[in-house]
């Protein structure tokens, strides 16, 4: 039903047509009694049709708003993934108490677990990706005797924001494809990707003989996962004793968990600039553009056999930067050709040189 045809003007004109006679003796102009009588009703009818259109859209998963999509997903046993808290590594000059709290910028952190002497895990008290952002010297919220240094040094398990509406929608439609069941590939994908900090996974069944499964993960920031995250996935899917079904893996499946390898990308190009621009002036924009390109590639890693860093893509994106007139002689890691990565490798931008 084309609800756009039910505008105020269309409804009003149809209503006025019912009272017009052949001789046009009845006044239906704006301001007339009849016009003023039916115009308010036309507005209400328009609003009614708009509400009906919204209601119809909310009945279909493809067009439903978030609240109604969540209700539709519930019919498939799916719920939106909640925001999670980042886990980071803190280094101190003494062993601090578990539960002690620290602040850095506008975020607070709680000590949750001892890693080794004077090194602890801290959980960001604010859920979401914001907890992945800050490193440096912290301030204790409460006095700790003997504390002289306290530094947040490394992101161990990334925090994640609440699942985006469109990602949830895609997951809903994917649930109608191959059924996740009993340790098949889709089952491993769903269970592994559902672990905090995991961005995506490649599953290689029977990779080292019958009953063996290899999971290769990338973290939710689309970088190489830390050993802490790799161990979390291993302990969740197939903890000791291996293959006994103590985790999420079926009995008899021995699961190995690895992460991707990062390949540093160094680019050399010969730039021609507008007279008022220099390489140093636009270098930050160039680096941002190349970082964005590498990130876009990493986001497709799970659905690609292997990633290819293309010279044509680099030059096209850089030519969109104001001040750059031309680019030539582009090399990736010293070669005048595209860089094809292995199946479990991802590109990380490292440097750009004008030369």
Protein backbone atom coordinates (compact mmCIF):
# COMPACT_ATOMS: atom_id res chain seq x y z
CA UNK A 1 0.00 0.00 0.00
CA UNK A 2 1.50 3.36 -1.07
CA UNK A 3 1.05 5.40 2.09
CA UNK A 4 2.86 8.34 0.53
CA UNK A 5 -0.33 8.91 -1.50
CA UNK A 6 -2.22 9.60 1.70
CA UNK A 7 -0.81 13.07 2.33
CA UNK A 8 -2.79 15.89 3.91
CA UNK A 9 -3.29 17.56 0.53
CA UNK A 10 -4.48 14.38 -1.23
CA UNK A 11 -6.90 13.45 1.54
CA UNK A 12 -8.24 17.00 1.76
CA UNK A 13 -8.79 17.24 -2.00
CA UNK A 14 -10.65 13.92 -2.08
CA UNK A 15 -12.90 15.00 0.78
CA UNK A 16 -13.67 18.33 -0.91
CA UNK A 17 -14.50 16.57 -4.18
CA UNK A 18 -17.40 14.86 -2.43
CA UNK A 19 -19.12 18.19 -1.71
CA UNK A 20 -18.44 20.03 -4.99
CA UNK A 21 -21.32 20.20 -7.46
CA UNK A 22 -21.29 20.57 -11.23
CA UNK A 23 -21.88 24.32 -11.08
CA UNK A 24 -19.22 24.90 -8.42
CA UNK A 25 -21.82 26.70 -6.35
CA UNK A 26 -20.47 25.38 -3.07
CA UNK A 27 -17.55 27.34 -1.67
CA UNK A 28 -14.66 24.97 -0.85
CA UNK A 29 -11.87 27.53 -0.90
CA UNK A 30 -9.40 27.78 1.98
CA UNK A 31 -11.12 29.62 4.80
CA UNK A 32 -14.59 28.46 3.81
CA UNK A 33 -16.81 26.66 6.32
CA UNK A 34 -16.48 23.35 4.48
CA UNK A 35 -12.70 23.67 4.07
CA UNK A 36 -12.20 24.54 7.72
CA UNK A 37 -14.46 21.65 8.67
CA UNK A 38 -12.60 18.89 6.81
CA UNK A 39 -8.99 20.17 7.02
CA UNK A 40 -8.44 19.10 10.67
CA UNK A 41 -9.83 15.65 9.90
CA UNK A 42 -7.47 15.38 6.91
CA UNK A 43 -4.49 16.01 9.17
CA UNK A 44 -5.63 13.29 11.57
CA UNK A 45 -6.20 10.84 8.70
CA UNK A 46 -2.69 11.60 7.41
CA UNK A 47 -1.26 10.90 10.86
CA UNK A 48 -3.26 7.68 11.07
CA UNK A 49 -1.86 6.44 7.75
CA UNK A 50 1.67 7.36 8.84
CA UNK A 51 1.22 5.30 12.01
CA UNK A 52 -0.18 2.40 9.98
CA UNK A 53 2.85 2.57 7.68
CA UNK A 54 5.24 2.52 10.65
CA UNK A 55 3.33 -0.39 12.19
CA UNK A 56 3.52 -2.34 8.93
CA UNK A 57 7.27 -1.74 8.67
CA UNK A 58 7.77 -2.95 12.24
CA UNK A 59 6.13 -6.29 11.42
CA UNK A 60 9.00 -7.24 9.05
CA UNK A 61 12.54 -7.88 10.25
CA UNK A 62 14.01 -6.13 7.21
CA UNK A 63 12.42 -2.78 8.10
CA UNK A 64 11.67 -3.10 11.83
CA UNK A 65 12.94 -0.48 14.26
CA UNK A 66 15.28 -1.71 17.00
CA UNK A 67 12.64 -2.43 19.66
CA UNK A 68 10.49 -4.49 17.30
CA UNK A 69 13.54 -6.18 15.74
CA UNK A 70 14.51 -7.36 19.23
CA UNK A 71 11.05 -8.89 19.62
CA UNK A 72 11.37 -10.59 16.23
CA UNK A 73 14.84 -11.90 17.11
CA UNK A 74 13.51 -13.36 20.36
CA UNK A 75 11.40 -15.73 18.27
CA UNK A 76 14.69 -17.17 16.95
CA UNK A 77 16.30 -17.31 20.39
CA UNK A 78 18.50 -14.30 19.62
CA UNK A 79 19.11 -11.33 21.90
CA UNK A 80 21.29 -8.23 21.34
CA UNK A 81 24.79 -8.63 22.70
CA UNK A 82 25.26 -6.30 25.65
CA UNK A 83 28.12 -3.85 26.08
CA UNK A 84 31.13 -5.38 27.83
CA UNK A 85 33.88 -3.99 30.06
CA UNK A 86 37.46 -3.70 28.81
CA UNK A 87 40.11 -5.70 30.69
CA UNK A 88 43.52 -4.05 30.87
CA UNK A 89 46.92 -4.66 32.42
CA UNK A 90 48.18 -2.42 35.20
CA UNK A 91 51.74 -2.26 36.56
CA UNK A 92 52.45 -1.07 40.11
CA UNK A 93 55.45 -0.70 42.39
CA UNK A 94 53.69 -2.89 45.02
CA UNK A 95 51.03 -5.57 45.13
CA UNK A 96 47.75 -3.67 45.40
CA UNK A 97 44.57 -5.11 46.97
CA UNK A 98 42.02 -6.84 44.75
CA UNK A 99 39.07 -4.48 44.41
CA UNK A 100 41.12 -1.30 44.70
CA UNK A 101 40.03 1.42 42.30
CA UNK A 102 41.90 3.87 40.11
CA UNK A 103 41.01 6.64 37.68
CA UNK A 104 42.50 7.77 34.38
CA UNK A 105 41.02 10.74 32.53
CA UNK A 106 37.26 10.40 33.05
CA UNK A 107 37.19 6.60 33.54
CA UNK A 108 37.53 4.42 36.63
CA UNK A 109 39.13 0.97 36.85
CA UNK A 110 38.89 -1.84 39.38
CA UNK A 111 41.66 -4.36 40.12
CA UNK A 112 40.22 -7.85 39.52
CA UNK A 113 43.07 -10.37 39.36
CA UNK A 114 46.81 -10.71 39.96
CA UNK A 115 48.83 -11.68 36.89
CA UNK A 116 52.27 -11.72 38.48
CA UNK A 117 54.30 -9.74 41.01
CA UNK A 118 53.03 -6.14 40.95
CA UNK A 119 51.10 -6.73 37.71
CA UNK A 120 47.30 -6.97 37.77
CA UNK A 121 44.23 -7.12 35.58
CA UNK A 122 41.91 -4.13 35.83
CA UNK A 123 38.35 -3.85 34.57
CA UNK A 124 37.07 -0.56 33.23
CA UNK A 125 33.93 0.33 35.17
CA UNK A 126 32.36 1.93 32.09
CA UNK A 127 31.16 -0.61 29.54
CA UNK A 128 31.91 -0.21 25.85
CA UNK A 129 34.77 0.56 23.50
CA UNK A 130 35.59 3.74 25.41
CA UNK A 131 37.45 1.54 27.89
CA UNK A 132 39.93 0.55 25.16
CA UNK A 133 41.20 4.07 24.66
CA UNK A 134 43.35 5.24 27.54
CA UNK A 135 46.78 4.26 28.85
CA UNK A 136 49.20 5.92 31.22
CA UNK A 137 49.52 6.94 34.84
CA UNK A 138 46.45 6.32 37.01
CA UNK A 139 45.34 8.02 40.21
CA UNK A 140 44.21 5.86 43.17
CA UNK A 141 40.66 6.67 44.26
CA UNK A 142 41.44 5.61 47.82
CA UNK A 143 44.77 5.85 49.64
CA UNK A 144 47.03 2.76 49.33
CA UNK A 145 50.02 2.69 51.67
CA UNK A 146 53.35 2.43 49.82
CA UNK A 147 51.90 3.03 46.35
CA UNK A 148 54.21 5.20 44.26
CA UNK A 149 53.54 4.22 40.64
CA UNK A 150 50.43 2.83 38.96
CA UNK A 151 50.33 2.64 35.18
CA UNK A 152 47.77 1.24 32.75
CA UNK A 153 49.96 -0.36 30.08
CA UNK A 154 48.07 -2.77 27.81
CA UNK A 155 44.62 -3.73 26.56
CA UNK A 156 44.11 -7.42 27.29
CA UNK A 157 40.47 -7.98 26.31
CA UNK A 158 38.69 -5.20 24.38
CA UNK A 159 35.41 -3.83 25.66
CA UNK A 160 32.54 -3.84 23.17
CA UNK A 161 29.56 -1.55 22.66
CA UNK A 162 26.01 -2.87 22.65
CA UNK A 163 25.34 -4.73 19.41
CA UNK A 164 24.45 -2.40 16.56
CA UNK A 165 20.93 -2.67 15.16
CA UNK A 166 22.07 -3.56 11.64
CA UNK A 167 24.49 -6.19 12.94
CA UNK A 168 21.63 -7.74 14.92
CA UNK A 169 19.46 -7.66 11.80
CA UNK A 170 22.12 -9.48 9.80
CA UNK A 171 22.46 -12.06 12.56
CA UNK A 172 18.69 -12.61 12.48
CA UNK A 173 18.67 -13.36 8.76
CA UNK A 174 21.81 -15.51 9.09
CA UNK A 175 19.92 -17.69 11.57
CA UNK A 176 17.84 -19.02 8.67
CA UNK A 177 20.92 -20.34 6.88
CA UNK A 178 22.86 -23.41 8.01
CA UNK A 179 21.69 -24.35 11.49
CA UNK A 180 24.19 -24.02 14.32
CA UNK A 181 24.19 -27.44 15.94
CA UNK A 182 26.42 -29.96 17.69
CA UNK A 183 29.83 -28.54 16.83
CA UNK A 184 29.36 -27.75 13.15
CA UNK A 185 31.20 -24.76 11.69
CA UNK A 186 28.37 -22.32 12.30
CA UNK A 187 28.08 -23.51 15.89
CA UNK A 188 31.76 -22.76 16.51
CA UNK A 189 31.44 -19.38 14.81
CA UNK A 190 28.49 -18.31 16.94
CA UNK A 191 29.97 -19.52 20.21
CA UNK A 192 33.45 -18.11 19.61
CA UNK A 193 32.28 -14.76 18.26
CA UNK A 194 30.02 -14.46 21.28
CA UNK A 195 33.01 -14.38 23.66
CA UNK A 196 33.94 -10.90 24.88
CA UNK A 197 36.73 -9.34 22.88
CA UNK A 198 36.46 -11.62 19.84
CA UNK A 199 35.74 -9.70 16.64
CA UNK A 200 35.57 -12.65 14.25
CA UNK A 201 36.74 -16.20 13.73
CA UNK A 202 37.85 -18.62 11.06
CA UNK A 203 37.11 -22.28 11.75
CA UNK A 204 39.23 -25.05 10.25
CA UNK A 205 37.72 -28.46 11.05
CA UNK A 206 39.80 -31.66 11.07
CA UNK A 207 42.90 -29.53 10.67
CA UNK A 208 45.18 -32.02 12.45
CA UNK A 209 43.24 -35.24 12.16
CA UNK A 210 39.78 -36.40 13.20
CA UNK A 211 38.24 -34.58 16.14
CA UNK A 212 40.59 -31.60 15.92
CA UNK A 213 39.38 -28.04 15.33
CA UNK A 214 41.44 -24.90 14.74
CA UNK A 215 39.97 -21.52 15.67
CA UNK A 216 41.84 -18.46 14.43
CA UNK A 217 40.52 -15.24 15.96
CA UNK A 218 40.82 -11.51 15.47
CA UNK A 219 39.87 -9.22 18.35
CA UNK A 220 36.96 -6.77 18.33
CA UNK A 221 39.28 -3.87 17.42
CA UNK A 222 40.30 -5.93 14.36
CA UNK A 223 43.84 -6.43 15.59
CA UNK A 224 45.87 -9.42 16.71
CA UNK A 225 44.37 -10.87 19.90
CA UNK A 226 46.41 -10.86 23.09
CA UNK A 227 47.49 -14.11 24.67
CA UNK A 228 45.00 -13.34 27.47
CA UNK A 229 42.12 -13.31 24.98
CA UNK A 230 43.41 -16.43 23.19
CA UNK A 231 43.51 -18.24 26.54
CA UNK A 232 40.03 -17.02 27.45
CA UNK A 233 38.66 -18.46 24.21
CA UNK A 234 40.51 -21.73 24.78
CA UNK A 235 39.25 -22.04 28.35
CA UNK A 236 35.68 -21.23 27.27
CA UNK A 237 35.55 -23.56 24.27
CA UNK A 238 37.77 -26.49 25.32
CA UNK A 239 39.40 -26.23 28.76
CA UNK A 240 41.60 -28.84 30.44
CA UNK A 241 41.13 -31.80 30.24
CA UNK A 242 40.91 -31.29 26.48
CA UNK A 243 38.23 -33.00 24.44
CA UNK A 244 36.07 -34.01 27.40
CA UNK A 245 33.21 -31.57 26.77
CA UNK A 246 33.92 -29.42 29.83
CA UNK A 247 33.55 -26.28 27.69
CA UNK A 248 31.32 -25.33 24.78
CA UNK A 249 32.96 -27.79 22.38
CA UNK A 250 31.31 -31.21 21.98
CA UNK A 251 32.84 -34.27 23.62
CA UNK A 252 35.71 -35.57 21.50
CA UNK A 253 36.62 -32.25 19.90
CA UNK A 254 40.11 -31.04 20.74
CA UNK A 255 40.23 -27.33 19.94
CA UNK A 256 43.33 -25.25 19.23
CA UNK A 257 43.00 -21.47 19.39
CA UNK A 258 45.36 -19.10 17.62
CA UNK A 259 45.24 -15.49 16.51
CA UNK A 260 46.10 -13.74 13.28
CA UNK A 261 49.57 -12.54 12.34
CA UNK A 262 50.02 -8.83 11.72
CA UNK A 263 51.97 -7.74 8.64
CA UNK A 264 53.36 -4.20 8.79
CA UNK A 265 52.68 -2.20 5.65
CA UNK A 266 55.31 0.36 4.57
CA UNK A 267 54.39 2.47 1.56
CA UNK A 268 56.56 4.61 -0.66
CA UNK A 269 55.04 6.92 -3.30
CA UNK A 270 56.09 9.89 -5.37
CA UNK A 271 53.65 12.73 -4.71
CA UNK A 272 52.88 15.83 -6.73
CA UNK A 273 51.35 18.57 -4.59
CA UNK A 274 49.46 21.76 -5.19
CA UNK A 275 51.96 24.64 -4.78
CA UNK A 276 50.49 25.60 -1.40
CA UNK A 277 50.82 22.07 0.04
CA UNK A 278 53.71 19.91 1.20
CA UNK A 279 54.06 16.30 2.27
CA UNK A 280 54.43 17.28 5.91
CA UNK A 281 51.26 19.38 5.75
CA UNK A 282 49.07 16.50 4.57
CA UNK A 283 51.00 13.61 6.16
CA UNK A 284 48.50 13.21 9.00
CA UNK A 285 45.59 12.97 6.55
CA UNK A 286 47.56 10.47 4.46
CA UNK A 287 48.23 8.30 7.52
CA UNK A 288 44.58 8.46 8.60
CA UNK A 289 43.44 7.47 5.10
CA UNK A 290 45.83 4.52 4.95
CA UNK A 291 44.89 3.40 8.47
CA UNK A 292 41.23 3.47 7.43
CA UNK A 293 41.99 1.42 4.31
CA UNK A 294 43.85 -1.25 6.29
CA UNK A 295 41.01 -1.34 8.84
CA UNK A 296 38.45 -1.84 6.07
CA UNK A 297 40.46 -4.81 4.83
CA UNK A 298 40.75 -6.30 8.31
CA UNK A 299 36.99 -6.08 8.78
CA UNK A 300 36.56 -8.42 5.78
CA UNK A 301 39.19 -10.92 6.96
CA UNK A 302 36.75 -13.55 8.25
CA UNK A 303 34.90 -13.72 4.93
CA UNK A 304 38.00 -13.64 2.70
CA UNK A 305 40.31 -16.45 1.67
CA UNK A 306 43.16 -13.98 1.91
CA UNK A 307 43.46 -10.20 1.96
CA UNK A 308 45.13 -8.19 -0.80
CA UNK A 309 46.56 -4.72 -0.24
CA UNK A 310 46.13 -3.05 -3.64
CA UNK A 311 48.21 -0.20 -5.06
CA UNK A 312 45.19 1.05 -7.04
CA UNK A 313 43.15 1.39 -3.84
CA UNK A 314 45.96 3.22 -2.07
CA UNK A 315 46.42 5.72 -4.89
CA UNK A 316 42.68 6.26 -5.41
CA UNK A 317 42.10 7.02 -1.73
CA UNK A 318 45.11 9.31 -1.44
CA UNK A 319 44.12 11.29 -4.53
CA UNK A 320 40.94 12.31 -2.71
CA UNK A 321 43.04 14.26 -0.18
CA UNK A 322 43.04 17.99 -0.81
CA UNK A 323 46.40 19.21 -2.02
CA UNK A 324 47.53 15.98 -3.70
CA UNK A 325 47.53 16.35 -7.50
CA UNK A 326 49.17 13.10 -8.58
CA UNK A 327 50.77 9.91 -7.25
CA UNK A 328 53.26 7.63 -9.00
CA UNK A 329 55.74 4.83 -8.34
CA UNK A 330 53.82 3.42 -5.39
CA UNK A 331 55.52 0.52 -3.64
CA UNK A 332 54.21 -1.73 -0.89
CA UNK A 333 57.01 -3.06 1.30
CA UNK A 334 59.46 -2.15 -1.45
CA UNK A 335 57.63 -3.85 -4.34
CA UNK A 336 55.72 -2.33 -7.28
CA UNK A 337 52.90 -4.85 -6.92
CA UNK A 338 49.89 -5.67 -4.78
CA UNK A 339 50.64 -7.45 -1.52
CA UNK A 340 48.75 -10.71 -1.14
CA UNK A 341 48.61 -11.91 2.45
CA UNK A 342 48.26 -15.46 3.73
CA UNK A 343 44.94 -16.74 5.04
CA UNK A 344 45.68 -15.87 8.65
CA UNK A 345 47.49 -12.56 8.09
CA UNK A 346 46.12 -9.02 8.41
CA UNK A 347 47.65 -5.69 7.26
CA UNK A 348 48.72 -2.99 9.72
CA UNK A 349 49.76 0.39 8.34
CA UNK A 350 53.24 1.33 9.54
CA UNK A 351 54.74 4.16 7.47
CA UNK A 352 54.46 6.31 4.35
CA UNK A 353 57.42 7.94 2.58
CA UNK A 354 57.43 10.48 -0.25
CA UNK A 355 60.16 9.40 -2.61
